[in-house]
């Protein structure tokens, strides 16, 4: 384990995360963080010179569709579902005095 996490670092991370860690939990967190950093160091050893950077594993194209109005102005049929209507709109109970 080449990455040694200091007590001050664990204390600072605990403050940022708003955690009150016991001494045993702090020691365990130091070991966990050290293992994480060791794994990152191991990944940094990989040769990625021929790998193109990407943001997604799968190719993502524009997934948006054209906004096409299909029902047009069908206000009369829509308002048939309203329990009450007023001036061509749904009438609802007042919620703010």
PDB file of N, CA and C in Angstrom:
ATOM      1  N   UNK A   1       0.850  -1.171   0.000  1.00  0.00           N
ATOM      2  CA  UNK A   1       0.000   0.000   0.000  1.00  0.00           C
ATOM      3  C   UNK A   1       0.897   1.236   0.000  1.00  0.00           C
ATOM      4  N   UNK A   2       1.050   1.824  -1.164  1.00  0.00           N
ATOM      5  CA  UNK A   2       1.943   2.965  -1.312  1.00  0.00           C
ATOM      6  C   UNK A   2       1.276   4.262  -0.857  1.00  0.00           C
ATOM      7  N   UNK A   3      -0.031   4.318  -0.916  1.00  0.00           N
ATOM      8  CA  UNK A   3      -0.742   5.535  -0.553  1.00  0.00           C
ATOM      9  C   UNK A   3      -1.100   5.504   0.932  1.00  0.00           C
ATOM     10  N   UNK A   4      -0.462   6.349   1.694  1.00  0.00           N
ATOM     11  CA  UNK A   4      -0.721   6.444   3.122  1.00  0.00           C
ATOM     12  C   UNK A   4      -1.606   7.664   3.342  1.00  0.00           C
ATOM     13  N   UNK A   5      -2.749   7.432   3.946  1.00  0.00           N
ATOM     14  CA  UNK A   5      -3.702   8.503   4.232  1.00  0.00           C
ATOM     15  C   UNK A   5      -3.435   8.992   5.653  1.00  0.00           C
ATOM     16  N   UNK A   6      -3.301  10.287   5.811  1.00  0.00           N
ATOM     17  CA  UNK A   6      -3.001  10.847   7.133  1.00  0.00           C
ATOM     18  C   UNK A   6      -4.274  10.968   7.972  1.00  0.00           C
ATOM     19  N   UNK A   7      -4.074  11.085   9.280  1.00  0.00           N
ATOM     20  CA  UNK A   7      -5.203  11.294  10.194  1.00  0.00           C
ATOM     21  C   UNK A   7      -5.907  12.610   9.885  1.00  0.00           C
ATOM     22  N   UNK A   8      -5.131  13.605   9.484  1.00  0.00           N
ATOM     23  CA  UNK A   8      -5.725  14.914   9.165  1.00  0.00           C
ATOM     24  C   UNK A   8      -6.653  14.811   7.949  1.00  0.00           C
ATOM     25  N   UNK A   9      -6.262  14.010   6.971  1.00  0.00           N
ATOM     26  CA  UNK A   9      -7.091  13.831   5.779  1.00  0.00           C
ATOM     27  C   UNK A   9      -8.409  13.163   6.144  1.00  0.00           C
ATOM     28  N   UNK A  10      -8.342  12.120   6.959  1.00  0.00           N
ATOM     29  CA  UNK A  10      -9.567  11.434   7.384  1.00  0.00           C
ATOM     30  C   UNK A  10     -10.442  12.374   8.196  1.00  0.00           C
ATOM     31  N   UNK A  11      -9.831  13.155   9.060  1.00  0.00           N
ATOM     32  CA  UNK A  11     -10.579  14.123   9.873  1.00  0.00           C
ATOM     33  C   UNK A  11     -11.284  15.136   8.967  1.00  0.00           C
ATOM     34  N   UNK A  12     -10.564  15.625   7.949  1.00  0.00           N
ATOM     35  CA  UNK A  12     -11.120  16.613   7.023  1.00  0.00           C
ATOM     36  C   UNK A  12     -12.272  16.017   6.206  1.00  0.00           C
ATOM     37  N   UNK A  13     -12.085  14.800   5.710  1.00  0.00           N
ATOM     38  CA  UNK A  13     -13.143  14.138   4.943  1.00  0.00           C
ATOM     39  C   UNK A  13     -14.364  13.912   5.831  1.00  0.00           C
ATOM     40  N   UNK A  14     -14.136  13.553   7.081  1.00  0.00           N
ATOM     41  CA  UNK A  14     -15.244  13.380   8.013  1.00  0.00           C
ATOM     42  C   UNK A  14     -16.024  14.662   8.222  1.00  0.00           C
ATOM     43  N   UNK A  15     -15.293  15.771   8.320  1.00  0.00           N
ATOM     44  CA  UNK A  15     -15.966  17.071   8.477  1.00  0.00           C
ATOM     45  C   UNK A  15     -16.771  17.402   7.219  1.00  0.00           C
ATOM     46  N   UNK A  16     -16.173  17.194   6.044  1.00  0.00           N
ATOM     47  CA  UNK A  16     -16.890  17.486   4.798  1.00  0.00           C
ATOM     48  C   UNK A  16     -18.143  16.641   4.651  1.00  0.00           C
ATOM     49  N   UNK A  17     -18.054  15.370   5.072  1.00  0.00           N
ATOM     50  CA  UNK A  17     -19.193  14.454   4.947  1.00  0.00           C
ATOM     51  C   UNK A  17     -20.138  14.555   6.137  1.00  0.00           C
ATOM     52  N   UNK A  18     -19.794  15.415   7.094  1.00  0.00           N
ATOM     53  CA  UNK A  18     -20.597  15.584   8.311  1.00  0.00           C
ATOM     54  C   UNK A  18     -20.770  14.250   9.036  1.00  0.00           C
ATOM     55  N   UNK A  19     -19.644  13.537   9.196  1.00  0.00           N
ATOM     56  CA  UNK A  19     -19.630  12.247   9.874  1.00  0.00           C
ATOM     57  C   UNK A  19     -18.848  12.367  11.181  1.00  0.00           C
ATOM     58  N   UNK A  20     -19.364  11.721  12.196  1.00  0.00           N
ATOM     59  CA  UNK A  20     -18.647  11.648  13.466  1.00  0.00           C
ATOM     60  C   UNK A  20     -18.123  10.222  13.587  1.00  0.00           C
ATOM     61  N   UNK A  21     -16.874  10.031  13.200  1.00  0.00           N
ATOM     62  CA  UNK A  21     -16.299   8.692  13.144  1.00  0.00           C
ATOM     63  C   UNK A  21     -15.565   8.359  14.436  1.00  0.00           C
ATOM     64  N   UNK A  22     -15.721   7.115  14.867  1.00  0.00           N
ATOM     65  CA  UNK A  22     -14.939   6.639  16.005  1.00  0.00           C
ATOM     66  C   UNK A  22     -13.512   6.377  15.536  1.00  0.00           C
ATOM     67  N   UNK A  23     -12.611   6.129  16.497  1.00  0.00           N
ATOM     68  CA  UNK A  23     -11.220   5.861  16.130  1.00  0.00           C
ATOM     69  C   UNK A  23     -11.106   4.615  15.259  1.00  0.00           C
ATOM     70  N   UNK A  24     -11.890   3.581  15.573  1.00  0.00           N
ATOM     71  CA  UNK A  24     -11.852   2.350  14.772  1.00  0.00           C
ATOM     72  C   UNK A  24     -12.359   2.617  13.352  1.00  0.00           C
ATOM     73  N   UNK A  25     -13.406   3.421  13.239  1.00  0.00           N
ATOM     74  CA  UNK A  25     -13.946   3.753  11.915  1.00  0.00           C
ATOM     75  C   UNK A  25     -12.953   4.593  11.114  1.00  0.00           C
ATOM     76  N   UNK A  26     -12.222   5.466  11.792  1.00  0.00           N
ATOM     77  CA  UNK A  26     -11.218   6.277  11.101  1.00  0.00           C
ATOM     78  C   UNK A  26     -10.105   5.391  10.553  1.00  0.00           C
ATOM     79  N   UNK A  27      -9.669   4.425  11.334  1.00  0.00           N
ATOM     80  CA  UNK A  27      -8.619   3.516  10.876  1.00  0.00           C
ATOM     81  C   UNK A  27      -9.096   2.696   9.681  1.00  0.00           C
ATOM     82  N   UNK A  28     -10.337   2.215   9.752  1.00  0.00           N
ATOM     83  CA  UNK A  28     -10.898   1.441   8.633  1.00  0.00           C
ATOM     84  C   UNK A  28     -11.032   2.318   7.382  1.00  0.00           C
ATOM     85  N   UNK A  29     -11.448   3.574   7.566  1.00  0.00           N
ATOM     86  CA  UNK A  29     -11.580   4.494   6.435  1.00  0.00           C
ATOM     87  C   UNK A  29     -10.209   4.771   5.812  1.00  0.00           C
ATOM     88  N   UNK A  30      -9.177   4.891   6.632  1.00  0.00           N
ATOM     89  CA  UNK A  30      -7.830   5.106   6.110  1.00  0.00           C
ATOM     90  C   UNK A  30      -7.398   3.932   5.236  1.00  0.00           C
ATOM     91  N   UNK A  31      -7.674   2.718   5.700  1.00  0.00           N
ATOM     92  CA  UNK A  31      -7.327   1.530   4.914  1.00  0.00           C
ATOM     93  C   UNK A  31      -8.105   1.502   3.604  1.00  0.00           C
ATOM     94  N   UNK A  32      -9.426   1.790   3.680  1.00  0.00           N
ATOM     95  CA  UNK A  32     -10.267   1.781   2.475  1.00  0.00           C
ATOM     96  C   UNK A  32      -9.794   2.817   1.457  1.00  0.00           C
ATOM     97  N   UNK A  33      -9.507   4.023   1.926  1.00  0.00           N
ATOM     98  CA  UNK A  33      -9.062   5.078   1.013  1.00  0.00           C
ATOM     99  C   UNK A  33      -7.707   4.725   0.404  1.00  0.00           C
ATOM    100  N   UNK A  34      -6.845   4.127   1.186  1.00  0.00           N
ATOM    101  CA  UNK A  34      -5.547   3.702   0.670  1.00  0.00           C
ATOM    102  C   UNK A  34      -5.702   2.658  -0.422  1.00  0.00           C
ATOM    103  N   UNK A  35      -6.610   1.694  -0.204  1.00  0.00           N
ATOM    104  CA  UNK A  35      -6.855   0.663  -1.224  1.00  0.00           C
ATOM    105  C   UNK A  35      -7.430   1.280  -2.499  1.00  0.00           C
ATOM    106  N   UNK A  36      -8.320   2.261  -2.333  1.00  0.00           N
ATOM    107  CA  UNK A  36      -8.893   2.929  -3.511  1.00  0.00           C
ATOM    108  C   UNK A  36      -7.802   3.640  -4.312  1.00  0.00           C
ATOM    109  N   UNK A  37      -6.934   4.352  -3.627  1.00  0.00           N
ATOM    110  CA  UNK A  37      -5.868   5.078  -4.313  1.00  0.00           C
ATOM    111  C   UNK A  37      -4.871   4.118  -4.953  1.00  0.00           C
ATOM    112  N   UNK A  38      -4.609   2.987  -4.296  1.00  0.00           N
ATOM    113  CA  UNK A  38      -3.730   1.975  -4.894  1.00  0.00           C
ATOM    114  C   UNK A  38      -4.333   1.434  -6.182  1.00  0.00           C
ATOM    115  N   UNK A  39      -5.652   1.218  -6.186  1.00  0.00           N
ATOM    116  CA  UNK A  39      -6.318   0.717  -7.383  1.00  0.00           C
ATOM    117  C   UNK A  39      -6.242   1.744  -8.511  1.00  0.00           C
ATOM    118  N   UNK A  40      -6.419   3.005  -8.165  1.00  0.00           N
ATOM    119  CA  UNK A  40      -6.308   4.063  -9.175  1.00  0.00           C
ATOM    120  C   UNK A  40      -4.895   4.110  -9.741  1.00  0.00           C
ATOM    121  N   UNK A  41      -3.888   3.947  -8.879  1.00  0.00           N
ATOM    122  CA  UNK A  41      -2.500   3.900  -9.355  1.00  0.00           C
ATOM    123  C   UNK A  41      -2.299   2.737 -10.314  1.00  0.00           C
ATOM    124  N   UNK A  42      -2.932   1.592  -9.995  1.00  0.00           N
ATOM    125  CA  UNK A  42      -2.811   0.423 -10.862  1.00  0.00           C
ATOM    126  C   UNK A  42      -3.451   0.709 -12.230  1.00  0.00           C
ATOM    127  N   UNK A  43      -4.616   1.393 -12.222  1.00  0.00           N
ATOM    128  CA  UNK A  43      -5.267   1.731 -13.489  1.00  0.00           C
ATOM    129  C   UNK A  43      -4.430   2.725 -14.293  1.00  0.00           C
ATOM    130  N   UNK A  44      -3.718   3.602 -13.612  1.00  0.00           N
ATOM    131  CA  UNK A  44      -2.881   4.588 -14.300  1.00  0.00           C
ATOM    132  C   UNK A  44      -1.705   3.946 -15.024  1.00  0.00           C
ATOM    133  N   UNK A  45      -1.374   2.712 -14.671  1.00  0.00           N
ATOM    134  CA  UNK A  45      -0.276   2.012 -15.334  1.00  0.00           C
ATOM    135  C   UNK A  45      -0.677   1.449 -16.701  1.00  0.00           C
ATOM    136  N   UNK A  46      -1.975   1.399 -16.982  1.00  0.00           N
ATOM    137  CA  UNK A  46      -2.448   0.856 -18.255  1.00  0.00           C
ATOM    138  C   UNK A  46      -2.075   1.779 -19.410  1.00  0.00           C
ATOM    139  N   UNK A  47      -1.747   1.165 -20.560  1.00  0.00           N
ATOM    140  CA  UNK A  47      -1.424   1.938 -21.759  1.00  0.00           C
ATOM    141  C   UNK A  47      -2.730   2.270 -22.478  1.00  0.00           C
ATOM    142  N   UNK A  48      -3.117   3.516 -22.415  1.00  0.00           N
ATOM    143  CA  UNK A  48      -4.349   3.962 -23.069  1.00  0.00           C
ATOM    144  C   UNK A  48      -4.056   4.896 -24.235  1.00  0.00           C
ATOM    145  N   UNK A  49      -2.852   4.820 -24.784  1.00  0.00           N
ATOM    146  CA  UNK A  49      -2.460   5.747 -25.843  1.00  0.00           C
ATOM    147  C   UNK A  49      -3.302   5.578 -27.104  1.00  0.00           C
ATOM    148  N   UNK A  50      -3.784   4.353 -27.403  1.00  0.00           N
ATOM    149  CA  UNK A  50      -4.579   4.146 -28.605  1.00  0.00           C
ATOM    150  C   UNK A  50      -6.076   4.186 -28.360  1.00  0.00           C
ATOM    151  N   UNK A  51      -6.483   4.569 -27.164  1.00  0.00           N
ATOM    152  CA  UNK A  51      -7.904   4.573 -26.818  1.00  0.00           C
ATOM    153  C   UNK A  51      -8.432   5.994 -26.904  1.00  0.00           C
ATOM    154  N   UNK A  52      -9.498   6.147 -27.678  1.00  0.00           N
ATOM    155  CA  UNK A  52     -10.098   7.469 -27.843  1.00  0.00           C
ATOM    156  C   UNK A  52     -10.953   7.797 -26.618  1.00  0.00           C
ATOM    157  N   UNK A  53     -10.834   9.009 -26.075  1.00  0.00           N
ATOM    158  CA  UNK A  53     -11.665   9.391 -24.925  1.00  0.00           C
ATOM    159  C   UNK A  53     -13.141   9.343 -25.300  1.00  0.00           C
ATOM    160  N   UNK A  54     -13.967   8.959 -24.328  1.00  0.00           N
ATOM    161  CA  UNK A  54     -15.408   8.878 -24.589  1.00  0.00           C
ATOM    162  C   UNK A  54     -16.174   9.264 -23.340  1.00  0.00           C
ATOM    163  N   UNK A  55     -17.409   9.654 -23.549  1.00  0.00           N
ATOM    164  CA  UNK A  55     -18.264   9.992 -22.414  1.00  0.00           C
ATOM    165  C   UNK A  55     -19.275   8.888 -22.140  1.00  0.00           C
ATOM    166  N   UNK A  56     -19.514   8.011 -23.125  1.00  0.00           N
ATOM    167  CA  UNK A  56     -20.442   6.897 -22.969  1.00  0.00           C
ATOM    168  C   UNK A  56     -19.805   5.635 -23.533  1.00  0.00           C
ATOM    169  N   UNK A  57     -20.204   4.505 -22.985  1.00  0.00           N
ATOM    170  CA  UNK A  57     -19.696   3.243 -23.485  1.00  0.00           C
ATOM    171  C   UNK A  57     -20.262   2.973 -24.878  1.00  0.00           C
ATOM    172  N   UNK A  58     -21.524   3.313 -25.078  1.00  0.00           N
ATOM    173  CA  UNK A  58     -22.172   3.115 -26.365  1.00  0.00           C
ATOM    174  C   UNK A  58     -22.244   4.440 -27.105  1.00  0.00           C
ATOM    175  N   UNK A  59     -22.206   4.377 -28.413  1.00  0.00           N
ATOM    176  CA  UNK A  59     -22.328   5.598 -29.206  1.00  0.00           C
ATOM    177  C   UNK A  59     -23.720   6.187 -28.999  1.00  0.00           C
ATOM    178  N   UNK A  60     -23.763   7.442 -28.650  1.00  0.00           N
ATOM    179  CA  UNK A  60     -25.036   8.103 -28.401  1.00  0.00           C
ATOM    180  C   UNK A  60     -25.205   9.197 -29.444  1.00  0.00           C
ATOM    181  N   UNK A  61     -26.263   9.077 -30.207  1.00  0.00           N
ATOM    182  CA  UNK A  61     -26.589  10.112 -31.185  1.00  0.00           C
ATOM    183  C   UNK A  61     -27.678  10.985 -30.608  1.00  0.00           C
ATOM    184  N   UNK A  62     -28.039  12.007 -31.329  1.00  0.00           N
ATOM    185  CA  UNK A  62     -29.116  12.873 -30.879  1.00  0.00           C
ATOM    186  C   UNK A  62     -30.382  12.043 -30.720  1.00  0.00           C
ATOM    187  N   UNK A  63     -30.830  11.899 -29.483  1.00  0.00           N
ATOM    188  CA  UNK A  63     -32.000  11.075 -29.209  1.00  0.00           C
ATOM    189  C   UNK A  63     -33.286  11.892 -29.188  1.00  0.00           C
ATOM    190  N   UNK A  64     -33.175  13.171 -29.486  1.00  0.00           N
ATOM    191  CA  UNK A  64     -34.359  14.008 -29.501  1.00  0.00           C
ATOM    192  C   UNK A  64     -35.104  13.842 -30.819  1.00  0.00           C
ATOM    193  N   UNK A  65     -36.394  13.873 -30.744  1.00  0.00           N
ATOM    194  CA  UNK A  65     -37.206  13.799 -31.947  1.00  0.00           C
ATOM    195  C   UNK A  65     -37.740  15.193 -32.262  1.00  0.00           C
ATOM    196  N   UNK A  66     -38.167  15.370 -33.484  1.00  0.00           N
ATOM    197  CA  UNK A  66     -38.778  16.640 -33.846  1.00  0.00           C
ATOM    198  C   UNK A  66     -40.083  16.804 -33.073  1.00  0.00           C
ATOM    199  N   UNK A  67     -40.333  18.003 -32.628  1.00  0.00           N
ATOM    200  CA  UNK A  67     -41.552  18.302 -31.886  1.00  0.00           C
ATOM    201  C   UNK A  67     -42.656  18.587 -32.903  1.00  0.00           C
ATOM    202  N   UNK A  68     -43.470  17.573 -33.139  1.00  0.00           N
ATOM    203  CA  UNK A  68     -44.534  17.682 -34.127  1.00  0.00           C
ATOM    204  C   UNK A  68     -45.868  17.622 -33.404  1.00  0.00           C
ATOM    205  N   UNK A  69     -46.697  18.626 -33.614  1.00  0.00           N
ATOM    206  CA  UNK A  69     -48.025  18.648 -33.010  1.00  0.00           C
ATOM    207  C   UNK A  69     -48.922  17.705 -33.795  1.00  0.00           C
ATOM    208  N   UNK A  70     -49.523  16.739 -33.080  1.00  0.00           N
ATOM    209  CA  UNK A  70     -50.371  15.760 -33.762  1.00  0.00           C
ATOM    210  C   UNK A  70     -51.849  15.960 -33.481  1.00  0.00           C
ATOM    211  N   UNK A  71     -52.184  16.565 -32.329  1.00  0.00           N
ATOM    212  CA  UNK A  71     -53.602  16.726 -32.013  1.00  0.00           C
ATOM    213  C   UNK A  71     -54.113  18.131 -32.269  1.00  0.00           C
ATOM    214  N   UNK A  72     -53.260  19.037 -32.607  1.00  0.00           N
ATOM    215  CA  UNK A  72     -53.673  20.393 -32.967  1.00  0.00           C
ATOM    216  C   UNK A  72     -54.469  21.070 -31.867  1.00  0.00           C
ATOM    217  N   UNK A  73     -55.384  21.907 -32.290  1.00  0.00           N
ATOM    218  CA  UNK A  73     -56.212  22.644 -31.342  1.00  0.00           C
ATOM    219  C   UNK A  73     -57.517  21.890 -31.151  1.00  0.00           C
ATOM    220  N   UNK A  74     -57.506  20.949 -30.244  1.00  0.00           N
ATOM    221  CA  UNK A  74     -58.682  20.111 -29.981  1.00  0.00           C
ATOM    222  C   UNK A  74     -59.274  20.471 -28.621  1.00  0.00           C
ATOM    223  N   UNK A  75     -59.339  21.754 -28.339  1.00  0.00           N
ATOM    224  CA  UNK A  75     -59.767  22.251 -27.038  1.00  0.00           C
ATOM    225  C   UNK A  75     -61.145  21.740 -26.634  1.00  0.00           C
ATOM    226  N   UNK A  76     -62.075  21.685 -27.569  1.00  0.00           N
ATOM    227  CA  UNK A  76     -63.443  21.280 -27.212  1.00  0.00           C
ATOM    228  C   UNK A  76     -63.487  19.852 -26.689  1.00  0.00           C
ATOM    229  N   UNK A  77     -62.793  18.933 -27.366  1.00  0.00           N
ATOM    230  CA  UNK A  77     -62.786  17.543 -26.903  1.00  0.00           C
ATOM    231  C   UNK A  77     -62.025  17.389 -25.586  1.00  0.00           C
ATOM    232  N   UNK A  78     -60.964  18.151 -25.421  1.00  0.00           N
ATOM    233  CA  UNK A  78     -60.205  18.073 -24.167  1.00  0.00           C
ATOM    234  C   UNK A  78     -61.045  18.577 -23.005  1.00  0.00           C
ATOM    235  N   UNK A  79     -61.765  19.665 -23.214  1.00  0.00           N
ATOM    236  CA  UNK A  79     -62.571  20.235 -22.138  1.00  0.00           C
ATOM    237  C   UNK A  79     -63.786  19.381 -21.808  1.00  0.00           C
ATOM    238  N   UNK A  80     -64.138  18.420 -22.664  1.00  0.00           N
ATOM    239  CA  UNK A  80     -65.235  17.512 -22.337  1.00  0.00           C
ATOM    240  C   UNK A  80     -64.902  16.668 -21.110  1.00  0.00           C
ATOM    241  N   UNK A  81     -63.596  16.488 -20.812  1.00  0.00           N
ATOM    242  CA  UNK A  81     -63.165  15.708 -19.656  1.00  0.00           C
ATOM    243  C   UNK A  81     -63.154  16.528 -18.368  1.00  0.00           C
ATOM    244  N   UNK A  82     -63.305  17.828 -18.475  1.00  0.00           N
ATOM    245  CA  UNK A  82     -63.214  18.690 -17.298  1.00  0.00           C
ATOM    246  C   UNK A  82     -64.501  18.637 -16.486  1.00  0.00           C
ATOM    247  N   UNK A  83     -64.389  18.457 -15.175  1.00  0.00           N
ATOM    248  CA  UNK A  83     -65.604  18.509 -14.347  1.00  0.00           C
ATOM    249  C   UNK A  83     -66.236  19.897 -14.391  1.00  0.00           C
ATOM    250  N   UNK A  84     -65.380  20.931 -14.451  1.00  0.00           N
ATOM    251  CA  UNK A  84     -65.867  22.300 -14.585  1.00  0.00           C
ATOM    252  C   UNK A  84     -64.933  23.043 -15.533  1.00  0.00           C
ATOM    253  N   UNK A  85     -65.505  23.982 -16.282  1.00  0.00           N
ATOM    254  CA  UNK A  85     -64.690  24.793 -17.177  1.00  0.00           C
ATOM    255  C   UNK A  85     -65.183  26.224 -17.152  1.00  0.00           C
ATOM    256  N   UNK A  86     -64.274  27.123 -17.483  1.00  0.00           N
ATOM    257  CA  UNK A  86     -64.624  28.541 -17.499  1.00  0.00           C
ATOM    258  C   UNK A  86     -63.767  29.214 -18.556  1.00  0.00           C
ATOM    259  N   UNK A  87     -64.353  29.932 -19.444  1.00  0.00           N
ATOM    260  CA  UNK A  87     -63.667  30.691 -20.494  1.00  0.00           C
ATOM    261  C   UNK A  87     -62.709  29.813 -21.299  1.00  0.00           C
ATOM    262  N   UNK A  88     -63.118  28.605 -21.625  1.00  0.00           N
ATOM    263  CA  UNK A  88     -62.314  27.730 -22.455  1.00  0.00           C
ATOM    264  C   UNK A  88     -61.121  27.109 -21.748  1.00  0.00           C
ATOM    265  N   UNK A  89     -61.157  27.005 -20.408  1.00  0.00           N
ATOM    266  CA  UNK A  89     -60.057  26.418 -19.643  1.00  0.00           C
ATOM    267  C   UNK A  89     -60.627  25.573 -18.508  1.00  0.00           C
ATOM    268  N   UNK A  90     -59.787  24.703 -17.955  1.00  0.00           N
ATOM    269  CA  UNK A  90     -60.194  23.924 -16.789  1.00  0.00           C
ATOM    270  C   UNK A  90     -60.406  24.861 -15.611  1.00  0.00           C
ATOM    271  N   UNK A  91     -61.472  24.659 -14.852  1.00  0.00           N
ATOM    272  CA  UNK A  91     -61.692  25.438 -13.640  1.00  0.00           C
ATOM    273  C   UNK A  91     -61.359  24.517 -12.479  1.00  0.00           C
ATOM    274  N   UNK A  92     -60.441  24.996 -11.629  1.00  0.00           N
ATOM    275  CA  UNK A  92     -60.010  24.218 -10.471  1.00  0.00           C
ATOM    276  C   UNK A  92     -60.254  25.011  -9.198  1.00  0.00           C
ATOM    277  N   UNK A  93     -60.321  24.304  -8.060  1.00  0.00           N
ATOM    278  CA  UNK A  93     -60.517  25.021  -6.814  1.00  0.00           C
ATOM    279  C   UNK A  93     -59.364  25.970  -6.510  1.00  0.00           C
ATOM    280  N   UNK A  94     -59.655  27.078  -5.875  1.00  0.00           N
ATOM    281  CA  UNK A  94     -58.631  28.056  -5.500  1.00  0.00           C
ATOM    282  C   UNK A  94     -57.724  27.425  -4.447  1.00  0.00           C
ATOM    283  N   UNK A  95     -56.412  27.570  -4.640  1.00  0.00           N
ATOM    284  CA  UNK A  95     -55.454  27.009  -3.686  1.00  0.00           C
ATOM    285  C   UNK A  95     -54.728  28.071  -2.895  1.00  0.00           C
ATOM    286  N   UNK A  96     -54.752  29.325  -3.341  1.00  0.00           N
ATOM    287  CA  UNK A  96     -54.078  30.405  -2.652  1.00  0.00           C
ATOM    288  C   UNK A  96     -55.110  31.480  -2.348  1.00  0.00           C
ATOM    289  N   UNK A  97     -55.102  31.918  -1.132  1.00  0.00           N
ATOM    290  CA  UNK A  97     -56.051  32.985  -0.730  1.00  0.00           C
ATOM    291  C   UNK A  97     -55.484  34.342  -1.034  1.00  0.00           C
TER     292      UNK A  97
END
